[in-house]
């Protein structure tokens, strides 16, 4: 039986434009393609888990608009339990405005909308209704006080938590979150913002990871894109290489990585095995456009690993 997972976080509609290169300040460019895709880091991680065949519950909010209705219908169709996704009257659904350049890299601007209505009262209602999750995923596209409150309650209840620190908060805010987190998964940019250490290899990865471990948690996993990932714990540091894939669009790759990590840990695999699986899930998510639409099936991940 695949254990039950829970993602608590944002639900957005992604508005994606493709450009040859990113514009300079004040410059106007002509894009080549425009699309809308379901997104939001909370929803992304839930969808990635659903596509892997997991029993996944999503806690979040959408607006009373066309995007909200479209999001809810899609999430339900893909197998995500949305019974605790609330519709907020007279409020817009969150949106992410994404530019993707010719190399597949992206720039993202987020307008939170209903995600900003994720307050501690709503989390308290959720926790009274459902604490069935074995592993919880959180991100930072909902109010930080809500995330901190949720982490404290989950810690008290003995639940295992994976925190994706994106968008990166201030140093002081991040330190508070780390105190209640089991596994934290920053990318290279995020951990450098917190520690001032550029990740160039095993030595710098371990040095930066230990700065985070001093503030709480048991494992730091540094996502390094095409260079793979680094696992830092009190036992030392390990490097897990990336899988070679043709990169089309990196949007949602980090969310896919976290979902793959959760899935594998839910199977009882070792951390090294789980990160290798997560790297395959994240890598495959880079091979097509859109965040949720590019997330792979379990059979596709097994084929890549095999």
Protein backbone atom coordinates (compact mmCIF):
# COMPACT_ATOMS: atom_id res chain seq x y z
CA UNK A 1 0.00 0.00 0.00
CA UNK A 2 1.45 3.37 -1.05
CA UNK A 3 1.41 5.67 2.00
CA UNK A 4 -0.70 8.81 2.09
CA UNK A 5 0.99 12.11 1.33
CA UNK A 6 -0.16 15.68 1.87
CA UNK A 7 0.94 18.86 0.08
CA UNK A 8 0.03 22.12 1.81
CA UNK A 9 0.62 25.13 -0.41
CA UNK A 10 -0.13 27.27 -3.40
CA UNK A 11 -2.39 26.72 -6.38
CA UNK A 12 -1.71 28.95 -9.40
CA UNK A 13 -2.42 29.26 -13.05
CA UNK A 14 0.84 29.63 -14.97
CA UNK A 15 0.86 32.11 -17.85
CA UNK A 16 3.88 31.12 -19.94
CA UNK A 17 5.52 33.07 -22.76
CA UNK A 18 8.51 31.80 -24.73
CA UNK A 19 11.23 34.24 -25.84
CA UNK A 20 14.59 33.85 -27.52
CA UNK A 21 16.22 35.67 -24.60
CA UNK A 22 15.07 37.54 -21.52
CA UNK A 23 14.38 41.27 -22.05
CA UNK A 24 16.60 43.93 -20.54
CA UNK A 25 14.99 46.50 -18.20
CA UNK A 26 12.75 48.78 -20.26
CA UNK A 27 13.03 46.60 -23.37
CA UNK A 28 10.09 45.12 -25.30
CA UNK A 29 10.52 41.77 -27.04
CA UNK A 30 8.21 39.69 -29.22
CA UNK A 31 7.53 36.23 -27.82
CA UNK A 32 7.03 33.12 -29.92
CA UNK A 33 4.46 31.06 -27.97
CA UNK A 34 1.95 31.72 -25.17
CA UNK A 35 0.23 29.03 -23.07
CA UNK A 36 -1.62 28.63 -19.80
CA UNK A 37 -0.79 25.70 -17.52
CA UNK A 38 -2.02 24.67 -14.06
CA UNK A 39 0.71 25.45 -11.51
CA UNK A 40 1.60 26.63 -8.00
CA UNK A 41 4.23 24.81 -5.95
CA UNK A 42 1.71 23.11 -3.66
CA UNK A 43 -0.38 21.87 -6.57
CA UNK A 44 2.71 20.97 -8.62
CA UNK A 45 4.04 18.66 -5.94
CA UNK A 46 0.61 17.11 -5.48
CA UNK A 47 0.19 16.46 -9.22
CA UNK A 48 3.70 14.99 -9.53
CA UNK A 49 2.90 12.55 -6.71
CA UNK A 50 -0.47 11.68 -8.25
CA UNK A 51 1.21 10.91 -11.58
CA UNK A 52 3.58 8.57 -9.76
CA UNK A 53 0.52 6.72 -8.40
CA UNK A 54 0.59 8.09 -4.84
CA UNK A 55 -2.37 8.75 -2.56
CA UNK A 56 -2.02 12.53 -2.31
CA UNK A 57 -4.13 15.11 -0.49
CA UNK A 58 -3.84 18.83 -1.36
CA UNK A 59 -4.62 21.65 1.09
CA UNK A 60 -4.95 25.07 -0.52
CA UNK A 61 -7.24 27.79 -1.86
CA UNK A 62 -8.42 29.00 -5.26
CA UNK A 63 -10.39 32.06 -6.28
CA UNK A 64 -13.99 32.18 -7.45
CA UNK A 65 -13.00 32.63 -11.09
CA UNK A 66 -12.43 30.70 -14.30
CA UNK A 67 -8.85 29.79 -13.35
CA UNK A 68 -10.01 28.41 -10.01
CA UNK A 69 -12.67 26.22 -11.61
CA UNK A 70 -10.22 25.03 -14.25
CA UNK A 71 -7.59 24.20 -11.63
CA UNK A 72 -9.98 22.27 -9.39
CA UNK A 73 -11.33 20.22 -12.29
CA UNK A 74 -7.85 19.35 -13.51
CA UNK A 75 -6.53 18.38 -10.09
CA UNK A 76 -9.48 16.08 -9.47
CA UNK A 77 -9.11 14.50 -12.92
CA UNK A 78 -5.45 13.68 -12.30
CA UNK A 79 -6.23 11.89 -9.03
CA UNK A 80 -5.43 14.57 -6.41
CA UNK A 81 -7.76 14.60 -3.40
CA UNK A 82 -9.06 18.21 -3.36
CA UNK A 83 -11.71 17.82 -0.66
CA UNK A 84 -9.91 20.45 1.43
CA UNK A 85 -9.22 22.90 -1.39
CA UNK A 86 -11.41 25.90 -0.58
CA UNK A 87 -12.86 28.42 -3.06
CA UNK A 88 -12.56 32.03 -1.86
CA UNK A 89 -15.45 34.31 -2.98
CA UNK A 90 -14.63 37.59 -4.72
CA UNK A 91 -10.95 36.67 -4.99
CA UNK A 92 -8.68 35.78 -7.89
CA UNK A 93 -6.83 32.50 -8.17
CA UNK A 94 -3.06 32.88 -7.85
CA UNK A 95 -1.15 33.34 -11.09
CA UNK A 96 2.49 32.93 -12.09
CA UNK A 97 3.77 34.89 -15.08
CA UNK A 98 6.65 32.89 -16.55
CA UNK A 99 9.19 33.75 -19.23
CA UNK A 100 11.10 30.82 -20.76
CA UNK A 101 14.17 31.57 -22.87
CA UNK A 102 15.76 29.60 -25.68
CA UNK A 103 17.86 27.51 -23.30
CA UNK A 104 14.88 26.43 -21.17
CA UNK A 105 15.70 28.70 -18.22
CA UNK A 106 12.89 30.74 -16.69
CA UNK A 107 11.97 33.97 -14.91
CA UNK A 108 8.84 33.88 -12.73
CA UNK A 109 6.64 36.59 -11.17
CA UNK A 110 3.90 35.41 -8.79
CA UNK A 111 0.62 37.15 -7.89
CA UNK A 112 -0.64 35.20 -4.83
CA UNK A 113 -4.41 35.86 -5.03
CA UNK A 114 -6.29 33.25 -2.97
CA UNK A 115 -3.01 31.74 -1.77
CA UNK A 116 -2.63 34.73 0.54
CA UNK A 117 -5.86 33.66 2.28
CA UNK A 118 -4.18 30.51 3.60
CA UNK A 119 -4.20 31.60 7.22
CA UNK A 120 -3.57 29.71 10.45
CA UNK A 121 -7.32 29.38 11.14
CA UNK A 122 -7.78 27.43 7.93
CA UNK A 123 -4.83 25.17 8.74
CA UNK A 124 -6.29 24.55 12.20
CA UNK A 125 -9.60 23.51 10.58
CA UNK A 126 -7.69 21.16 8.28
CA UNK A 127 -5.72 19.63 11.11
CA UNK A 128 -8.92 18.90 13.03
CA UNK A 129 -10.34 17.14 9.96
CA UNK A 130 -7.36 15.22 8.67
CA UNK A 131 -4.02 14.08 10.05
CA UNK A 132 -3.77 10.92 7.97
CA UNK A 133 -0.66 11.93 6.06
CA UNK A 134 2.56 9.99 6.57
CA UNK A 135 4.70 12.62 4.87
CA UNK A 136 3.96 16.31 4.38
CA UNK A 137 5.30 18.68 1.73
CA UNK A 138 5.39 22.45 2.26
CA UNK A 139 6.64 25.39 0.19
CA UNK A 140 6.71 29.16 0.65
CA UNK A 141 4.10 30.53 -1.77
CA UNK A 142 1.58 30.91 1.07
CA UNK A 143 2.01 33.27 4.07
CA UNK A 144 5.13 32.45 6.08
CA UNK A 145 3.34 32.65 9.45
CA UNK A 146 0.98 29.96 8.17
CA UNK A 147 3.90 27.77 7.11
CA UNK A 148 5.62 28.22 10.48
CA UNK A 149 2.41 27.43 12.38
CA UNK A 150 1.87 24.31 10.26
CA UNK A 151 5.45 23.13 10.78
CA UNK A 152 5.13 23.53 14.55
CA UNK A 153 1.91 21.51 14.71
CA UNK A 154 3.26 18.76 12.44
CA UNK A 155 6.45 18.56 14.48
CA UNK A 156 4.42 18.22 17.67
CA UNK A 157 2.37 15.43 16.09
CA UNK A 158 5.50 13.57 15.00
CA UNK A 159 4.88 13.98 11.26
CA UNK A 160 7.72 13.93 8.74
CA UNK A 161 8.08 17.12 6.68
CA UNK A 162 9.92 18.08 3.49
CA UNK A 163 10.29 21.86 3.09
CA UNK A 164 11.03 23.49 -0.25
CA UNK A 165 12.33 26.99 0.67
CA UNK A 166 11.01 28.74 -2.43
CA UNK A 167 10.56 31.60 -2.87
CA UNK A 168 13.52 32.12 -0.52
CA UNK A 169 12.56 34.10 2.62
CA UNK A 170 14.81 36.37 4.69
CA UNK A 171 17.59 34.80 6.75
CA UNK A 172 15.72 35.35 10.03
CA UNK A 173 12.50 33.86 8.67
CA UNK A 174 14.29 30.85 7.21
CA UNK A 175 16.04 30.14 10.50
CA UNK A 176 12.66 29.93 12.26
CA UNK A 177 11.34 27.47 9.66
CA UNK A 178 14.41 25.25 9.83
CA UNK A 179 13.87 24.61 13.53
CA UNK A 180 10.73 22.56 12.73
CA UNK A 181 11.77 20.91 9.47
CA UNK A 182 13.01 17.34 8.91
CA UNK A 183 14.27 17.60 5.32
CA UNK A 184 14.95 20.88 3.51
CA UNK A 185 15.62 21.05 -0.24
CA UNK A 186 17.13 24.39 -1.36
CA UNK A 187 18.59 24.87 -4.79
CA UNK A 188 22.06 26.35 -5.31
CA UNK A 189 20.82 29.93 -5.44
CA UNK A 190 18.66 29.63 -2.34
CA UNK A 191 21.33 28.09 -0.14
CA UNK A 192 23.88 30.67 -1.33
CA UNK A 193 21.47 33.48 -0.38
CA UNK A 194 21.24 32.04 3.14
CA UNK A 195 24.87 31.05 3.71
CA UNK A 196 26.87 33.22 1.31
CA UNK A 197 28.57 30.05 0.06
CA UNK A 198 28.66 29.28 -3.67
CA UNK A 199 28.16 25.59 -4.40
CA UNK A 200 31.07 24.39 -6.53
CA UNK A 201 31.42 20.79 -5.34
CA UNK A 202 31.34 18.42 -2.38
CA UNK A 203 33.34 20.61 -0.02
CA UNK A 204 31.24 23.75 -0.45
CA UNK A 205 28.01 21.74 -0.46
CA UNK A 206 28.90 20.19 2.89
CA UNK A 207 29.97 23.53 4.35
CA UNK A 208 26.73 25.25 3.27
CA UNK A 209 24.56 22.31 4.27
CA UNK A 210 26.01 22.25 7.78
CA UNK A 211 25.06 25.90 8.25
CA UNK A 212 21.42 24.88 7.72
CA UNK A 213 21.74 21.81 9.94
CA UNK A 214 22.88 24.02 12.80
CA UNK A 215 19.39 25.56 12.80
CA UNK A 216 17.43 22.29 12.75
CA UNK A 217 16.43 19.36 10.61
CA UNK A 218 18.29 16.15 9.90
CA UNK A 219 18.98 16.31 6.15
CA UNK A 220 19.74 19.07 3.64
CA UNK A 221 19.38 18.19 -0.04
CA UNK A 222 20.88 20.79 -2.39
CA UNK A 223 19.32 20.70 -5.85
CA UNK A 224 22.01 21.59 -8.41
CA UNK A 225 20.18 21.13 -11.73
CA UNK A 226 22.30 19.42 -14.36
CA UNK A 227 25.04 18.86 -11.79
CA UNK A 228 22.76 16.59 -9.75
CA UNK A 229 22.11 16.92 -6.02
CA UNK A 230 24.06 16.91 -2.76
CA UNK A 231 22.87 15.16 0.40
CA UNK A 232 24.23 16.73 3.57
CA UNK A 233 23.60 15.22 7.00
CA UNK A 234 25.47 14.64 10.23
CA UNK A 235 26.93 11.55 8.56
CA UNK A 236 28.65 13.59 5.85
CA UNK A 237 27.98 14.62 2.25
CA UNK A 238 27.09 12.60 -0.87
CA UNK A 239 26.76 13.65 -4.48
CA UNK A 240 24.04 12.12 -6.65
CA UNK A 241 24.60 12.79 -10.38
CA UNK A 242 21.79 14.07 -12.61
CA UNK A 243 20.33 11.97 -15.40
CA UNK A 244 21.17 13.24 -18.91
CA UNK A 245 18.02 14.65 -20.53
CA UNK A 246 17.25 17.17 -23.27
CA UNK A 247 16.10 20.29 -21.43
CA UNK A 248 13.06 22.02 -22.91
CA UNK A 249 11.58 23.88 -19.92
CA UNK A 250 12.79 23.76 -16.30
CA UNK A 251 9.50 25.07 -14.86
CA UNK A 252 8.31 22.70 -12.12
CA UNK A 253 11.49 20.60 -12.11
CA UNK A 254 12.21 21.38 -8.47
CA UNK A 255 8.64 20.51 -7.48
CA UNK A 256 8.90 17.24 -9.38
CA UNK A 257 12.16 16.50 -7.57
CA UNK A 258 10.51 17.02 -4.17
CA UNK A 259 7.56 14.84 -5.12
CA UNK A 260 9.90 12.08 -6.29
CA UNK A 261 11.85 12.37 -3.06
CA UNK A 262 8.67 12.05 -0.98
CA UNK A 263 7.43 9.11 -3.04
CA UNK A 264 10.68 7.19 -2.66
CA UNK A 265 11.01 7.88 1.05
CA UNK A 266 7.42 6.70 1.43
CA UNK A 267 8.53 3.35 0.00
CA UNK A 268 11.15 3.06 2.73
CA UNK A 269 14.12 3.58 0.41
CA UNK A 270 17.43 4.97 1.65
CA UNK A 271 18.10 8.69 1.27
CA UNK A 272 20.61 8.05 -1.51
CA UNK A 273 18.11 5.88 -3.43
CA UNK A 274 15.37 8.45 -2.85
CA UNK A 275 17.45 11.34 -4.17
CA UNK A 276 18.46 9.31 -7.24
CA UNK A 277 14.77 8.61 -7.93
CA UNK A 278 13.94 12.29 -7.33
CA UNK A 279 16.64 13.33 -9.79
CA UNK A 280 15.06 11.15 -12.45
CA UNK A 281 11.60 12.62 -11.79
CA UNK A 282 12.96 16.17 -11.86
CA UNK A 283 15.00 15.51 -14.98
CA UNK A 284 12.06 14.13 -16.95
CA UNK A 285 9.98 17.16 -15.94
CA UNK A 286 12.46 19.32 -17.91
CA UNK A 287 11.78 17.54 -21.20
CA UNK A 288 8.40 19.14 -22.02
CA UNK A 289 6.68 22.51 -21.63
CA UNK A 290 4.67 23.45 -18.55
CA UNK A 291 5.01 22.43 -14.92
CA UNK A 292 2.29 19.86 -14.29
CA UNK A 293 1.88 18.75 -17.90
CA UNK A 294 5.54 17.68 -18.06
CA UNK A 295 5.56 15.60 -14.87
CA UNK A 296 6.34 11.95 -15.57
CA UNK A 297 4.60 8.67 -14.82
CA UNK A 298 6.17 6.02 -12.61
CA UNK A 299 6.84 3.82 -15.64
CA UNK A 300 8.71 6.66 -17.41
CA UNK A 301 10.88 7.23 -14.32
CA UNK A 302 11.67 3.53 -14.01
CA UNK A 303 12.59 3.42 -17.70
CA UNK A 304 15.04 6.32 -17.29
CA UNK A 305 16.62 4.82 -14.18
CA UNK A 306 16.77 1.37 -15.73
